[in-house]
Amino acid sequence: MDSYDIVSAADVVLTFGSTIGIEAAYYGKPSILLGRAVYEDLGSCYVPSSHDELMKLLSSSGILPKNYLAA
């Protein structure tokens, strides 16, 4: 399956450092990064610092994409 088709169909993209995380942000999808990545400090992805913070993000309704310009 094409990864861009998956991103297109997703409400939120969750990655562990893959470049698809920043690409999803660029395409306007909320992106949550759980691992280390070269793009972690760009401000385009959510980077939860704890399990509790991740659970709050995932359980919140209407998580919005972050600024995609840095992507």
PDB file of N, CA and C in Angstrom:
ATOM      1  N   MET A   1       0.841  -1.173   0.000  1.00  0.00           N
ATOM      2  CA  MET A   1       0.000   0.000   0.000  1.00  0.00           C
ATOM      3  C   MET A   1       0.893   1.246   0.000  1.00  0.00           C
ATOM      4  N   ASP A   2       0.465   2.255  -0.667  1.00  0.00           N
ATOM      5  CA  ASP A   2       1.201   3.507  -0.755  1.00  0.00           C
ATOM      6  C   ASP A   2       1.054   4.301   0.544  1.00  0.00           C
ATOM      7  N   SER A   3       2.162   4.743   1.108  1.00  0.00           N
ATOM      8  CA  SER A   3       2.119   5.456   2.388  1.00  0.00           C
ATOM      9  C   SER A   3       1.352   6.769   2.273  1.00  0.00           C
ATOM     10  N   TYR A   4       1.361   7.406   1.120  1.00  0.00           N
ATOM     11  CA  TYR A   4       0.608   8.645   0.947  1.00  0.00           C
ATOM     12  C   TYR A   4      -0.896   8.391   0.927  1.00  0.00           C
ATOM     13  N   ASP A   5      -1.311   7.230   0.470  1.00  0.00           N
ATOM     14  CA  ASP A   5      -2.722   6.863   0.550  1.00  0.00           C
ATOM     15  C   ASP A   5      -3.143   6.685   2.007  1.00  0.00           C
ATOM     16  N   ILE A   6      -2.258   6.119   2.809  1.00  0.00           N
ATOM     17  CA  ILE A   6      -2.541   5.936   4.238  1.00  0.00           C
ATOM     18  C   ILE A   6      -2.646   7.297   4.919  1.00  0.00           C
ATOM     19  N   VAL A   7      -1.711   8.191   4.643  1.00  0.00           N
ATOM     20  CA  VAL A   7      -1.746   9.538   5.223  1.00  0.00           C
ATOM     21  C   VAL A   7      -3.029  10.249   4.815  1.00  0.00           C
ATOM     22  N   SER A   8      -3.396  10.130   3.575  1.00  0.00           N
ATOM     23  CA  SER A   8      -4.607  10.776   3.077  1.00  0.00           C
ATOM     24  C   SER A   8      -5.859  10.285   3.808  1.00  0.00           C
ATOM     25  N   ALA A   9      -5.897   9.009   4.128  1.00  0.00           N
ATOM     26  CA  ALA A   9      -7.069   8.428   4.786  1.00  0.00           C
ATOM     27  C   ALA A   9      -7.061   8.620   6.305  1.00  0.00           C
ATOM     28  N   ALA A  10      -5.919   8.986   6.872  1.00  0.00           N
ATOM     29  CA  ALA A  10      -5.777   9.075   8.334  1.00  0.00           C
ATOM     30  C   ALA A  10      -6.340  10.381   8.878  1.00  0.00           C
ATOM     31  N   ASP A  11      -6.839  10.308  10.120  1.00  0.00           N
ATOM     32  CA  ASP A  11      -7.227  11.519  10.840  1.00  0.00           C
ATOM     33  C   ASP A  11      -6.017  12.121  11.535  1.00  0.00           C
ATOM     34  N   VAL A  12      -5.145  11.256  12.054  1.00  0.00           N
ATOM     35  CA  VAL A  12      -3.929  11.643  12.758  1.00  0.00           C
ATOM     36  C   VAL A  12      -2.840  10.656  12.360  1.00  0.00           C
ATOM     37  N   VAL A  13      -1.620  11.141  12.176  1.00  0.00           N
ATOM     38  CA  VAL A  13      -0.501  10.278  11.825  1.00  0.00           C
ATOM     39  C   VAL A  13       0.426  10.167  13.034  1.00  0.00           C
ATOM     40  N   LEU A  14       0.760   8.950  13.401  1.00  0.00           N
ATOM     41  CA  LEU A  14       1.616   8.660  14.548  1.00  0.00           C
ATOM     42  C   LEU A  14       2.854   7.943  14.042  1.00  0.00           C
ATOM     43  N   THR A  15       4.034   8.524  14.294  1.00  0.00           N
ATOM     44  CA  THR A  15       5.269   7.919  13.804  1.00  0.00           C
ATOM     45  C   THR A  15       6.313   7.842  14.907  1.00  0.00           C
ATOM     46  N   PHE A  16       7.342   7.056  14.625  1.00  0.00           N
ATOM     47  CA  PHE A  16       8.452   6.865  15.555  1.00  0.00           C
ATOM     48  C   PHE A  16       9.751   7.411  14.968  1.00  0.00           C
ATOM     49  N   GLY A  17       9.659   8.405  14.108  1.00  0.00           N
ATOM     50  CA  GLY A  17      10.844   9.009  13.536  1.00  0.00           C
ATOM     51  C   GLY A  17      10.919   8.927  12.022  1.00  0.00           C
ATOM     52  N   SER A  18       9.946   8.292  11.423  1.00  0.00           N
ATOM     53  CA  SER A  18       9.918   8.168   9.975  1.00  0.00           C
ATOM     54  C   SER A  18       9.685   9.527   9.321  1.00  0.00           C
ATOM     55  N   THR A  19      10.209   9.707   8.137  1.00  0.00           N
ATOM     56  CA  THR A  19       9.991  10.967   7.424  1.00  0.00           C
ATOM     57  C   THR A  19       8.525  11.170   7.049  1.00  0.00           C
ATOM     58  N   ILE A  20       7.736  10.121   7.065  1.00  0.00           N
ATOM     59  CA  ILE A  20       6.312  10.283   6.741  1.00  0.00           C
ATOM     60  C   ILE A  20       5.633  11.181   7.772  1.00  0.00           C
ATOM     61  N   GLY A  21       6.183  11.291   8.970  1.00  0.00           N
ATOM     62  CA  GLY A  21       5.620  12.177   9.982  1.00  0.00           C
ATOM     63  C   GLY A  21       5.678  13.639   9.578  1.00  0.00           C
ATOM     64  N   ILE A  22       6.801  14.085   9.057  1.00  0.00           N
ATOM     65  CA  ILE A  22       6.920  15.477   8.625  1.00  0.00           C
ATOM     66  C   ILE A  22       6.196  15.687   7.299  1.00  0.00           C
ATOM     67  N   GLU A  23       6.158  14.661   6.471  1.00  0.00           N
ATOM     68  CA  GLU A  23       5.407  14.768   5.222  1.00  0.00           C
ATOM     69  C   GLU A  23       3.916  14.893   5.496  1.00  0.00           C
ATOM     70  N   ALA A  24       3.423  14.154   6.484  1.00  0.00           N
ATOM     71  CA  ALA A  24       2.007  14.268   6.867  1.00  0.00           C
ATOM     72  C   ALA A  24       1.707  15.677   7.359  1.00  0.00           C
ATOM     73  N   ALA A  25       2.607  16.244   8.148  1.00  0.00           N
ATOM     74  CA  ALA A  25       2.425  17.623   8.629  1.00  0.00           C
ATOM     75  C   ALA A  25       2.363  18.585   7.446  1.00  0.00           C
ATOM     76  N   TYR A  26       3.227  18.384   6.478  1.00  0.00           N
ATOM     77  CA  TYR A  26       3.249  19.236   5.289  1.00  0.00           C
ATOM     78  C   TYR A  26       1.922  19.171   4.537  1.00  0.00           C
ATOM     79  N   TYR A  27       1.315  17.991   4.520  1.00  0.00           N
ATOM     80  CA  TYR A  27       0.035  17.809   3.833  1.00  0.00           C
ATOM     81  C   TYR A  27      -1.161  18.187   4.693  1.00  0.00           C
ATOM     82  N   GLY A  28      -0.900  18.787   5.869  1.00  0.00           N
ATOM     83  CA  GLY A  28      -1.987  19.296   6.691  1.00  0.00           C
ATOM     84  C   GLY A  28      -2.640  18.308   7.628  1.00  0.00           C
ATOM     85  N   LYS A  29      -1.971  17.212   7.907  1.00  0.00           N
ATOM     86  CA  LYS A  29      -2.489  16.219   8.857  1.00  0.00           C
ATOM     87  C   LYS A  29      -1.840  16.435  10.219  1.00  0.00           C
ATOM     88  N   PRO A  30      -2.601  16.274  11.294  1.00  0.00           N
ATOM     89  CA  PRO A  30      -1.961  16.301  12.611  1.00  0.00           C
ATOM     90  C   PRO A  30      -0.969  15.140  12.695  1.00  0.00           C
ATOM     91  N   SER A  31       0.234  15.429  13.111  1.00  0.00           N
ATOM     92  CA  SER A  31       1.284  14.425  13.160  1.00  0.00           C
ATOM     93  C   SER A  31       1.866  14.375  14.565  1.00  0.00           C
ATOM     94  N   ILE A  32       1.948  13.171  15.115  1.00  0.00           N
ATOM     95  CA  ILE A  32       2.496  12.964  16.452  1.00  0.00           C
ATOM     96  C   ILE A  32       3.772  12.151  16.308  1.00  0.00           C
ATOM     97  N   LEU A  33       4.854  12.693  16.822  1.00  0.00           N
ATOM     98  CA  LEU A  33       6.161  12.043  16.746  1.00  0.00           C
ATOM     99  C   LEU A  33       6.514  11.440  18.099  1.00  0.00           C
ATOM    100  N   LEU A  34       6.765  10.143  18.121  1.00  0.00           N
ATOM    101  CA  LEU A  34       7.081   9.450  19.369  1.00  0.00           C
ATOM    102  C   LEU A  34       8.558   9.107  19.517  1.00  0.00           C
ATOM    103  N   GLY A  35       9.312   9.213  18.465  1.00  0.00           N
ATOM    104  CA  GLY A  35      10.739   8.897  18.534  1.00  0.00           C
ATOM    105  C   GLY A  35      11.556  10.119  18.191  1.00  0.00           C
ATOM    106  N   ARG A  36      12.851   9.937  18.072  1.00  0.00           N
ATOM    107  CA  ARG A  36      13.740  11.025  17.677  1.00  0.00           C
ATOM    108  C   ARG A  36      13.737  11.145  16.156  1.00  0.00           C
ATOM    109  N   ALA A  37      13.789  12.385  15.684  1.00  0.00           N
ATOM    110  CA  ALA A  37      13.851  12.636  14.247  1.00  0.00           C
ATOM    111  C   ALA A  37      14.516  13.980  14.014  1.00  0.00           C
ATOM    112  N   VAL A  38      15.100  14.152  12.853  1.00  0.00           N
ATOM    113  CA  VAL A  38      15.774  15.408  12.550  1.00  0.00           C
ATOM    114  C   VAL A  38      14.796  16.577  12.525  1.00  0.00           C
ATOM    115  N   TYR A  39      13.517  16.303  12.363  1.00  0.00           N
ATOM    116  CA  TYR A  39      12.512  17.358  12.278  1.00  0.00           C
ATOM    117  C   TYR A  39      11.772  17.611  13.590  1.00  0.00           C
ATOM    118  N   GLU A  40      12.208  17.009  14.682  1.00  0.00           N
ATOM    119  CA  GLU A  40      11.455  17.082  15.937  1.00  0.00           C
ATOM    120  C   GLU A  40      11.318  18.488  16.511  1.00  0.00           C
ATOM    121  N   ASP A  41      12.210  19.391  16.184  1.00  0.00           N
ATOM    122  CA  ASP A  41      12.167  20.741  16.741  1.00  0.00           C
ATOM    123  C   ASP A  41      11.624  21.787  15.771  1.00  0.00           C
ATOM    124  N   LEU A  42      11.049  21.365  14.669  1.00  0.00           N
ATOM    125  CA  LEU A  42      10.558  22.318  13.681  1.00  0.00           C
ATOM    126  C   LEU A  42       9.209  22.930  14.038  1.00  0.00           C
ATOM    127  N   GLY A  43       8.481  22.302  14.954  1.00  0.00           N
ATOM    128  CA  GLY A  43       7.189  22.834  15.363  1.00  0.00           C
ATOM    129  C   GLY A  43       6.014  22.391  14.520  1.00  0.00           C
ATOM    130  N   SER A  44       6.222  21.477  13.611  1.00  0.00           N
ATOM    131  CA  SER A  44       5.150  21.008  12.740  1.00  0.00           C
ATOM    132  C   SER A  44       4.443  19.763  13.270  1.00  0.00           C
ATOM    133  N   CYS A  45       5.041  19.111  14.255  1.00  0.00           N
ATOM    134  CA  CYS A  45       4.493  17.875  14.802  1.00  0.00           C
ATOM    135  C   CYS A  45       4.327  17.997  16.312  1.00  0.00           C
ATOM    136  N   TYR A  46       3.373  17.265  16.829  1.00  0.00           N
ATOM    137  CA  TYR A  46       3.252  17.136  18.274  1.00  0.00           C
ATOM    138  C   TYR A  46       4.344  16.181  18.739  1.00  0.00           C
ATOM    139  N   VAL A  47       5.019  16.527  19.818  1.00  0.00           N
ATOM    140  CA  VAL A  47       6.078  15.680  20.364  1.00  0.00           C
ATOM    141  C   VAL A  47       5.785  15.505  21.856  1.00  0.00           C
ATOM    142  N   PRO A  48       4.914  14.546  22.192  1.00  0.00           N
ATOM    143  CA  PRO A  48       4.572  14.360  23.608  1.00  0.00           C
ATOM    144  C   PRO A  48       5.784  13.918  24.414  1.00  0.00           C
ATOM    145  N   SER A  49       5.882  14.437  25.629  1.00  0.00           N
ATOM    146  CA  SER A  49       7.038  14.114  26.463  1.00  0.00           C
ATOM    147  C   SER A  49       6.759  12.984  27.446  1.00  0.00           C
ATOM    148  N   SER A  50       5.531  12.481  27.450  1.00  0.00           N
ATOM    149  CA  SER A  50       5.199  11.386  28.359  1.00  0.00           C
ATOM    150  C   SER A  50       4.049  10.565  27.776  1.00  0.00           C
ATOM    151  N   HIS A  51       3.856   9.407  28.355  1.00  0.00           N
ATOM    152  CA  HIS A  51       2.743   8.547  27.953  1.00  0.00           C
ATOM    153  C   HIS A  51       1.418   9.248  28.220  1.00  0.00           C
ATOM    154  N   ASP A  52       1.303   9.924  29.364  1.00  0.00           N
ATOM    155  CA  ASP A  52       0.070  10.637  29.694  1.00  0.00           C
ATOM    156  C   ASP A  52      -0.241  11.722  28.667  1.00  0.00           C
ATOM    157  N   GLU A  53       0.779  12.451  28.256  1.00  0.00           N
ATOM    158  CA  GLU A  53       0.580  13.499  27.253  1.00  0.00           C
ATOM    159  C   GLU A  53       0.134  12.902  25.921  1.00  0.00           C
ATOM    160  N   LEU A  54       0.707  11.774  25.537  1.00  0.00           N
ATOM    161  CA  LEU A  54       0.284  11.086  24.322  1.00  0.00           C
ATOM    162  C   LEU A  54      -1.172  10.663  24.424  1.00  0.00           C
ATOM    163  N   MET A  55      -1.553  10.079  25.540  1.00  0.00           N
ATOM    164  CA  MET A  55      -2.935   9.624  25.712  1.00  0.00           C
ATOM    165  C   MET A  55      -3.922  10.794  25.650  1.00  0.00           C
ATOM    166  N   LYS A  56      -3.542  11.937  26.202  1.00  0.00           N
ATOM    167  CA  LYS A  56      -4.406  13.121  26.122  1.00  0.00           C
ATOM    168  C   LYS A  56      -4.564  13.578  24.682  1.00  0.00           C
ATOM    169  N   LEU A  57      -3.470  13.567  23.925  1.00  0.00           N
ATOM    170  CA  LEU A  57      -3.544  13.943  22.514  1.00  0.00           C
ATOM    171  C   LEU A  57      -4.457  13.006  21.740  1.00  0.00           C
ATOM    172  N   LEU A  58      -4.266  11.710  21.939  1.00  0.00           N
ATOM    173  CA  LEU A  58      -5.034  10.726  21.185  1.00  0.00           C
ATOM    174  C   LEU A  58      -6.508  10.706  21.569  1.00  0.00           C
ATOM    175  N   SER A  59      -6.809  11.056  22.809  1.00  0.00           N
ATOM    176  CA  SER A  59      -8.210  11.012  23.241  1.00  0.00           C
ATOM    177  C   SER A  59      -8.937  12.336  23.037  1.00  0.00           C
ATOM    178  N   SER A  60      -8.192  13.382  22.684  1.00  0.00           N
ATOM    179  CA  SER A  60      -8.844  14.669  22.462  1.00  0.00           C
ATOM    180  C   SER A  60      -9.590  14.642  21.132  1.00  0.00           C
ATOM    181  N   SER A  61     -10.724  15.287  21.123  1.00  0.00           N
ATOM    182  CA  SER A  61     -11.470  15.347  19.868  1.00  0.00           C
ATOM    183  C   SER A  61     -11.024  16.576  19.094  1.00  0.00           C
ATOM    184  N   GLY A  62     -10.862  16.407  17.829  1.00  0.00           N
ATOM    185  CA  GLY A  62     -10.513  17.528  16.977  1.00  0.00           C
ATOM    186  C   GLY A  62      -9.088  18.017  17.100  1.00  0.00           C
ATOM    187  N   ILE A  63      -8.128  17.107  17.201  1.00  0.00           N
ATOM    188  CA  ILE A  63      -6.719  17.517  17.211  1.00  0.00           C
ATOM    189  C   ILE A  63      -6.409  18.201  15.872  1.00  0.00           C
ATOM    190  N   LEU A  64      -5.852  19.377  15.959  1.00  0.00           N
ATOM    191  CA  LEU A  64      -5.603  20.177  14.761  1.00  0.00           C
ATOM    192  C   LEU A  64      -4.156  20.029  14.288  1.00  0.00           C
ATOM    193  N   PRO A  65      -3.951  20.164  12.988  1.00  0.00           N
ATOM    194  CA  PRO A  65      -2.576  20.139  12.485  1.00  0.00           C
ATOM    195  C   PRO A  65      -1.813  21.349  13.005  1.00  0.00           C
ATOM    196  N   LYS A  66      -0.528  21.173  13.222  1.00  0.00           N
ATOM    197  CA  LYS A  66       0.319  22.298  13.614  1.00  0.00           C
ATOM    198  C   LYS A  66       0.789  23.017  12.353  1.00  0.00           C
ATOM    199  N   ASN A  67       1.497  24.098  12.526  1.00  0.00           N
ATOM    200  CA  ASN A  67       1.969  24.905  11.415  1.00  0.00           C
ATOM    201  C   ASN A  67       2.827  24.074  10.452  1.00  0.00           C
ATOM    202  N   TYR A  68       2.418  23.997   9.232  1.00  0.00           N
ATOM    203  CA  TYR A  68       3.125  23.167   8.255  1.00  0.00           C
ATOM    204  C   TYR A  68       4.248  23.915   7.530  1.00  0.00           C
ATOM    205  N   LEU A  69       4.388  25.210   7.751  1.00  0.00           N
ATOM    206  CA  LEU A  69       5.385  25.985   6.994  1.00  0.00           C
ATOM    207  C   LEU A  69       6.809  25.521   7.281  1.00  0.00           C
ATOM    208  N   ALA A  70       7.081  25.079   8.495  1.00  0.00           N
ATOM    209  CA  ALA A  70       8.431  24.596   8.807  1.00  0.00           C
ATOM    210  C   ALA A  70       8.689  23.213   8.223  1.00  0.00           C
ATOM    211  N   ALA A  71       7.637  22.522   7.830  1.00  0.00           N
ATOM    212  CA  ALA A  71       7.794  21.190   7.254  1.00  0.00           C
ATOM    213  C   ALA A  71       8.426  21.287   5.884  1.00  0.00           C
TER     214      ALA A  71
END
